Amino acid sequence: MFNVLKKKEETGLVINKQRSGRKRVTSTSEGIFITVISKRKRRFISVDITKIVNINSPIKWSVTTVKRRLQEAGLNDRIATRKSLLDDLFSSEY
């Protein structure tokens, strides 16, 4: 409690300062490259994308890093399922 009061007196605020955190191994352009691969190859999961990225990059990426970049871009790591066309369903019945 004393630390909170001391911080309030010194800064006038009680919120914490922003921490720097660990620096990213990947650049912004590499993150864009991952999203482009994911959008072009809709059936690829993050493991497949990681293999493609590691071929071209001197830094070996982990699957977790690829998943994080996809989540930041608003993409989910799900496989699109094949759906039969309605014409195929009706033509097989008759």
N, C-alpha and C. Protein backbone atom coordinates (compact mmCIF):
# COMPACT_ATOMS: atom_id res chain seq x y z
N MET A 1 0.82 -1.18 0.00
CA MET A 1 0.00 0.00 0.00
C MET A 1 0.87 1.26 0.00
N PHE A 2 2.00 1.18 0.72
CA PHE A 2 2.89 2.32 0.79
C PHE A 2 3.46 2.65 -0.59
N ASN A 3 3.78 1.63 -1.37
CA ASN A 3 4.33 1.86 -2.70
C ASN A 3 3.33 2.59 -3.60
N VAL A 4 2.07 2.27 -3.46
CA VAL A 4 1.04 2.91 -4.26
C VAL A 4 0.95 4.39 -3.91
N LEU A 5 0.96 4.70 -2.63
CA LEU A 5 0.91 6.09 -2.19
C LEU A 5 2.15 6.86 -2.63
N LYS A 6 3.31 6.23 -2.55
CA LYS A 6 4.56 6.87 -2.97
C LYS A 6 4.53 7.16 -4.46
N LYS A 7 4.04 6.21 -5.25
CA LYS A 7 3.95 6.41 -6.69
C LYS A 7 2.97 7.53 -7.01
N LYS A 8 1.89 7.61 -6.29
CA LYS A 8 0.88 8.66 -6.49
C LYS A 8 1.49 10.04 -6.21
N GLU A 9 2.31 10.14 -5.17
CA GLU A 9 2.95 11.41 -4.83
C GLU A 9 3.97 11.82 -5.88
N GLU A 10 4.75 10.84 -6.39
CA GLU A 10 5.82 11.15 -7.34
C GLU A 10 5.30 11.48 -8.73
N THR A 11 4.40 10.66 -9.23
CA THR A 11 3.97 10.81 -10.61
C THR A 11 2.59 11.42 -10.77
N GLY A 12 1.80 11.36 -9.74
CA GLY A 12 0.43 11.85 -9.84
C GLY A 12 -0.51 10.79 -10.40
N LEU A 13 0.04 9.64 -10.79
CA LEU A 13 -0.75 8.54 -11.33
C LEU A 13 -0.45 7.27 -10.56
N VAL A 14 -1.34 6.31 -10.68
CA VAL A 14 -1.14 5.04 -9.99
C VAL A 14 -0.90 3.91 -10.99
N ILE A 15 -0.95 4.19 -12.28
CA ILE A 15 -0.79 3.13 -13.28
C ILE A 15 0.68 2.75 -13.42
N ASN A 16 0.92 1.53 -13.86
CA ASN A 16 2.27 1.04 -14.07
C ASN A 16 2.84 1.58 -15.37
N LYS A 17 4.16 1.70 -15.42
CA LYS A 17 4.82 2.11 -16.65
C LYS A 17 4.81 0.95 -17.63
N GLN A 18 4.86 1.28 -18.92
CA GLN A 18 4.89 0.24 -19.93
C GLN A 18 6.25 -0.44 -19.90
N ARG A 19 6.23 -1.74 -19.90
CA ARG A 19 7.48 -2.50 -19.87
C ARG A 19 7.92 -2.81 -21.29
N SER A 20 9.21 -2.94 -21.46
CA SER A 20 9.75 -3.13 -22.81
C SER A 20 9.50 -4.55 -23.32
N GLY A 21 9.67 -5.54 -22.50
CA GLY A 21 9.47 -6.92 -22.92
C GLY A 21 10.58 -7.41 -23.83
N ARG A 22 10.45 -8.60 -24.27
CA ARG A 22 11.45 -9.19 -25.15
C ARG A 22 11.27 -8.66 -26.56
N LYS A 23 12.39 -8.44 -27.25
CA LYS A 23 12.33 -7.96 -28.61
C LYS A 23 11.93 -9.09 -29.54
N ARG A 24 11.23 -8.72 -30.61
CA ARG A 24 10.77 -9.72 -31.56
C ARG A 24 11.92 -10.22 -32.43
N VAL A 25 11.88 -11.50 -32.70
CA VAL A 25 12.86 -12.09 -33.59
C VAL A 25 12.45 -11.83 -35.04
N THR A 26 11.16 -11.73 -35.25
CA THR A 26 10.64 -11.57 -36.60
C THR A 26 10.38 -10.10 -36.91
N SER A 27 10.46 -9.78 -38.20
CA SER A 27 10.17 -8.41 -38.61
C SER A 27 8.72 -8.32 -39.07
N THR A 28 8.28 -7.12 -39.34
CA THR A 28 6.91 -6.90 -39.80
C THR A 28 6.69 -7.55 -41.16
N SER A 29 7.68 -7.44 -42.03
CA SER A 29 7.53 -8.03 -43.37
C SER A 29 7.43 -9.55 -43.31
N GLU A 30 8.13 -10.17 -42.37
CA GLU A 30 8.02 -11.62 -42.22
C GLU A 30 6.65 -12.01 -41.70
N GLY A 31 6.08 -11.19 -40.84
CA GLY A 31 4.72 -11.44 -40.35
C GLY A 31 3.71 -11.34 -41.48
N ILE A 32 3.91 -10.38 -42.37
CA ILE A 32 3.04 -10.24 -43.53
C ILE A 32 3.19 -11.44 -44.45
N PHE A 33 4.42 -11.93 -44.60
CA PHE A 33 4.68 -13.11 -45.43
C PHE A 33 3.90 -14.32 -44.92
N ILE A 34 3.84 -14.48 -43.61
CA ILE A 34 3.08 -15.59 -43.02
C ILE A 34 1.60 -15.46 -43.34
N THR A 35 1.06 -14.26 -43.21
CA THR A 35 -0.36 -14.08 -43.49
C THR A 35 -0.68 -14.30 -44.97
N VAL A 36 0.25 -13.93 -45.85
CA VAL A 36 0.03 -14.15 -47.29
C VAL A 36 0.01 -15.64 -47.58
N ILE A 37 0.93 -16.39 -47.00
CA ILE A 37 0.96 -17.84 -47.20
C ILE A 37 -0.34 -18.46 -46.70
N SER A 38 -0.78 -18.03 -45.53
CA SER A 38 -2.00 -18.58 -44.95
C SER A 38 -3.22 -18.29 -45.81
N LYS A 39 -3.28 -17.11 -46.40
CA LYS A 39 -4.43 -16.76 -47.22
C LYS A 39 -4.40 -17.45 -48.57
N ARG A 40 -3.21 -17.69 -49.11
CA ARG A 40 -3.11 -18.38 -50.41
C ARG A 40 -3.33 -19.88 -50.27
N LYS A 41 -2.79 -20.46 -49.24
CA LYS A 41 -2.92 -21.90 -48.99
C LYS A 41 -3.87 -22.10 -47.82
N ARG A 42 -5.15 -22.06 -48.10
CA ARG A 42 -6.17 -22.08 -47.05
C ARG A 42 -6.18 -23.38 -46.24
N ARG A 43 -5.68 -24.44 -46.79
CA ARG A 43 -5.72 -25.73 -46.08
C ARG A 43 -4.45 -26.01 -45.28
N PHE A 44 -3.51 -25.09 -45.28
CA PHE A 44 -2.28 -25.28 -44.52
C PHE A 44 -2.51 -24.91 -43.06
N ILE A 45 -1.99 -25.74 -42.17
CA ILE A 45 -2.02 -25.41 -40.75
C ILE A 45 -0.68 -24.76 -40.39
N SER A 46 -0.55 -24.32 -39.16
CA SER A 46 0.64 -23.58 -38.76
C SER A 46 1.92 -24.40 -38.89
N VAL A 47 1.83 -25.71 -38.73
CA VAL A 47 3.01 -26.56 -38.89
C VAL A 47 3.51 -26.51 -40.33
N ASP A 48 2.59 -26.55 -41.29
CA ASP A 48 2.97 -26.48 -42.70
C ASP A 48 3.57 -25.11 -43.04
N ILE A 49 2.97 -24.06 -42.52
CA ILE A 49 3.47 -22.72 -42.78
C ILE A 49 4.85 -22.54 -42.17
N THR A 50 5.07 -23.11 -40.99
CA THR A 50 6.39 -23.03 -40.35
C THR A 50 7.46 -23.69 -41.20
N LYS A 51 7.15 -24.82 -41.80
CA LYS A 51 8.12 -25.51 -42.66
C LYS A 51 8.48 -24.64 -43.86
N ILE A 52 7.48 -24.00 -44.45
CA ILE A 52 7.74 -23.13 -45.61
C ILE A 52 8.60 -21.93 -45.22
N VAL A 53 8.28 -21.32 -44.10
CA VAL A 53 9.01 -20.13 -43.66
C VAL A 53 10.45 -20.48 -43.29
N ASN A 54 10.66 -21.62 -42.66
CA ASN A 54 12.00 -22.01 -42.24
C ASN A 54 12.91 -22.36 -43.41
N ILE A 55 12.35 -22.70 -44.55
CA ILE A 55 13.17 -22.96 -45.74
C ILE A 55 13.85 -21.69 -46.21
N ASN A 56 13.12 -20.57 -46.18
CA ASN A 56 13.61 -19.32 -46.73
C ASN A 56 14.28 -18.40 -45.71
N SER A 57 14.21 -18.71 -44.44
CA SER A 57 14.69 -17.80 -43.41
C SER A 57 15.93 -18.35 -42.71
N PRO A 58 16.90 -17.48 -42.42
CA PRO A 58 18.07 -17.95 -41.66
C PRO A 58 17.73 -18.22 -40.19
N ILE A 59 16.66 -17.58 -39.69
CA ILE A 59 16.21 -17.80 -38.32
C ILE A 59 15.15 -18.90 -38.34
N LYS A 60 15.31 -19.89 -37.49
CA LYS A 60 14.33 -20.97 -37.43
C LYS A 60 13.18 -20.58 -36.52
N TRP A 61 11.99 -20.52 -37.11
CA TRP A 61 10.79 -20.11 -36.39
C TRP A 61 10.16 -21.31 -35.71
N SER A 62 9.47 -21.05 -34.62
CA SER A 62 8.71 -22.10 -33.97
C SER A 62 7.27 -22.04 -34.43
N VAL A 63 6.56 -23.12 -34.22
CA VAL A 63 5.14 -23.18 -34.59
C VAL A 63 4.35 -22.16 -33.76
N THR A 64 4.75 -21.97 -32.51
CA THR A 64 4.07 -21.02 -31.64
C THR A 64 4.19 -19.59 -32.17
N THR A 65 5.35 -19.24 -32.70
CA THR A 65 5.54 -17.90 -33.26
C THR A 65 4.64 -17.69 -34.46
N VAL A 66 4.54 -18.70 -35.31
CA VAL A 66 3.68 -18.61 -36.49
C VAL A 66 2.22 -18.46 -36.05
N LYS A 67 1.81 -19.21 -35.05
CA LYS A 67 0.44 -19.11 -34.54
C LYS A 67 0.16 -17.71 -34.02
N ARG A 68 1.13 -17.13 -33.31
CA ARG A 68 0.94 -15.78 -32.78
C ARG A 68 0.79 -14.76 -33.88
N ARG A 69 1.61 -14.87 -34.93
CA ARG A 69 1.52 -13.93 -36.06
C ARG A 69 0.18 -14.06 -36.78
N LEU A 70 -0.32 -15.28 -36.89
CA LEU A 70 -1.63 -15.48 -37.52
C LEU A 70 -2.74 -14.89 -36.67
N GLN A 71 -2.65 -15.04 -35.36
CA GLN A 71 -3.66 -14.47 -34.47
C GLN A 71 -3.63 -12.96 -34.50
N GLU A 72 -2.44 -12.37 -34.58
CA GLU A 72 -2.33 -10.91 -34.66
C GLU A 72 -2.97 -10.38 -35.94
N ALA A 73 -2.91 -11.18 -37.00
CA ALA A 73 -3.50 -10.78 -38.28
C ALA A 73 -4.99 -11.07 -38.33
N GLY A 74 -5.52 -11.70 -37.27
CA GLY A 74 -6.95 -12.00 -37.23
C GLY A 74 -7.30 -13.30 -37.93
N LEU A 75 -6.31 -14.15 -38.13
CA LEU A 75 -6.55 -15.45 -38.78
C LEU A 75 -6.50 -16.55 -37.74
N ASN A 76 -7.34 -17.55 -37.93
CA ASN A 76 -7.37 -18.68 -37.02
C ASN A 76 -6.67 -19.87 -37.65
N ASP A 77 -6.16 -20.74 -36.81
CA ASP A 77 -5.46 -21.92 -37.26
C ASP A 77 -6.44 -23.08 -37.34
N ARG A 78 -7.28 -23.04 -38.36
CA ARG A 78 -8.26 -24.10 -38.56
C ARG A 78 -8.20 -24.56 -39.99
N ILE A 79 -8.52 -25.82 -40.21
CA ILE A 79 -8.53 -26.38 -41.55
C ILE A 79 -9.93 -26.25 -42.12
N ALA A 80 -10.03 -25.70 -43.32
CA ALA A 80 -11.32 -25.60 -43.98
C ALA A 80 -11.75 -26.99 -44.43
N THR A 81 -12.99 -27.34 -44.18
CA THR A 81 -13.49 -28.66 -44.56
C THR A 81 -14.07 -28.61 -45.96
N ARG A 82 -14.00 -29.71 -46.62
CA ARG A 82 -14.60 -29.82 -47.95
C ARG A 82 -16.09 -30.05 -47.80
N LYS A 83 -16.85 -29.34 -48.58
CA LYS A 83 -18.30 -29.47 -48.54
C LYS A 83 -18.78 -29.88 -49.92
N SER A 84 -19.65 -30.86 -49.95
CA SER A 84 -20.15 -31.30 -51.24
C SER A 84 -21.16 -30.28 -51.78
N LEU A 85 -21.21 -30.18 -53.05
CA LEU A 85 -22.16 -29.27 -53.68
C LEU A 85 -23.58 -29.82 -53.60
N LEU A 86 -24.54 -28.94 -53.61
CA LEU A 86 -25.94 -29.38 -53.56
C LEU A 86 -26.30 -30.21 -54.78
N ASP A 87 -25.73 -29.88 -55.93
CA ASP A 87 -26.00 -30.64 -57.15
C ASP A 87 -25.59 -32.10 -56.98
N ASP A 88 -24.45 -32.32 -56.33
CA ASP A 88 -23.98 -33.69 -56.10
C ASP A 88 -24.92 -34.46 -55.19
N LEU A 89 -25.48 -33.79 -54.20
CA LEU A 89 -26.39 -34.46 -53.28
C LEU A 89 -27.68 -34.88 -53.97
N PHE A 90 -28.23 -33.98 -54.78
CA PHE A 90 -29.50 -34.27 -55.42
C PHE A 90 -29.35 -35.25 -56.59
N SER A 91 -28.24 -35.19 -57.30
CA SER A 91 -28.08 -36.08 -58.46
C SER A 91 -27.87 -37.52 -58.03
N SER A 92 -27.32 -37.75 -56.85
CA SER A 92 -27.11 -39.13 -56.40
C SER A 92 -28.39 -39.80 -55.93
N GLU A 93 -29.38 -38.99 -55.51
CA GLU A 93 -30.63 -39.56 -55.04
C GLU A 93 -31.54 -40.00 -56.18
N TYR A 94 -31.41 -39.36 -57.33
CA TYR A 94 -32.35 -39.67 -58.44
C TYR A 94 -31.75 -40.60 -59.43
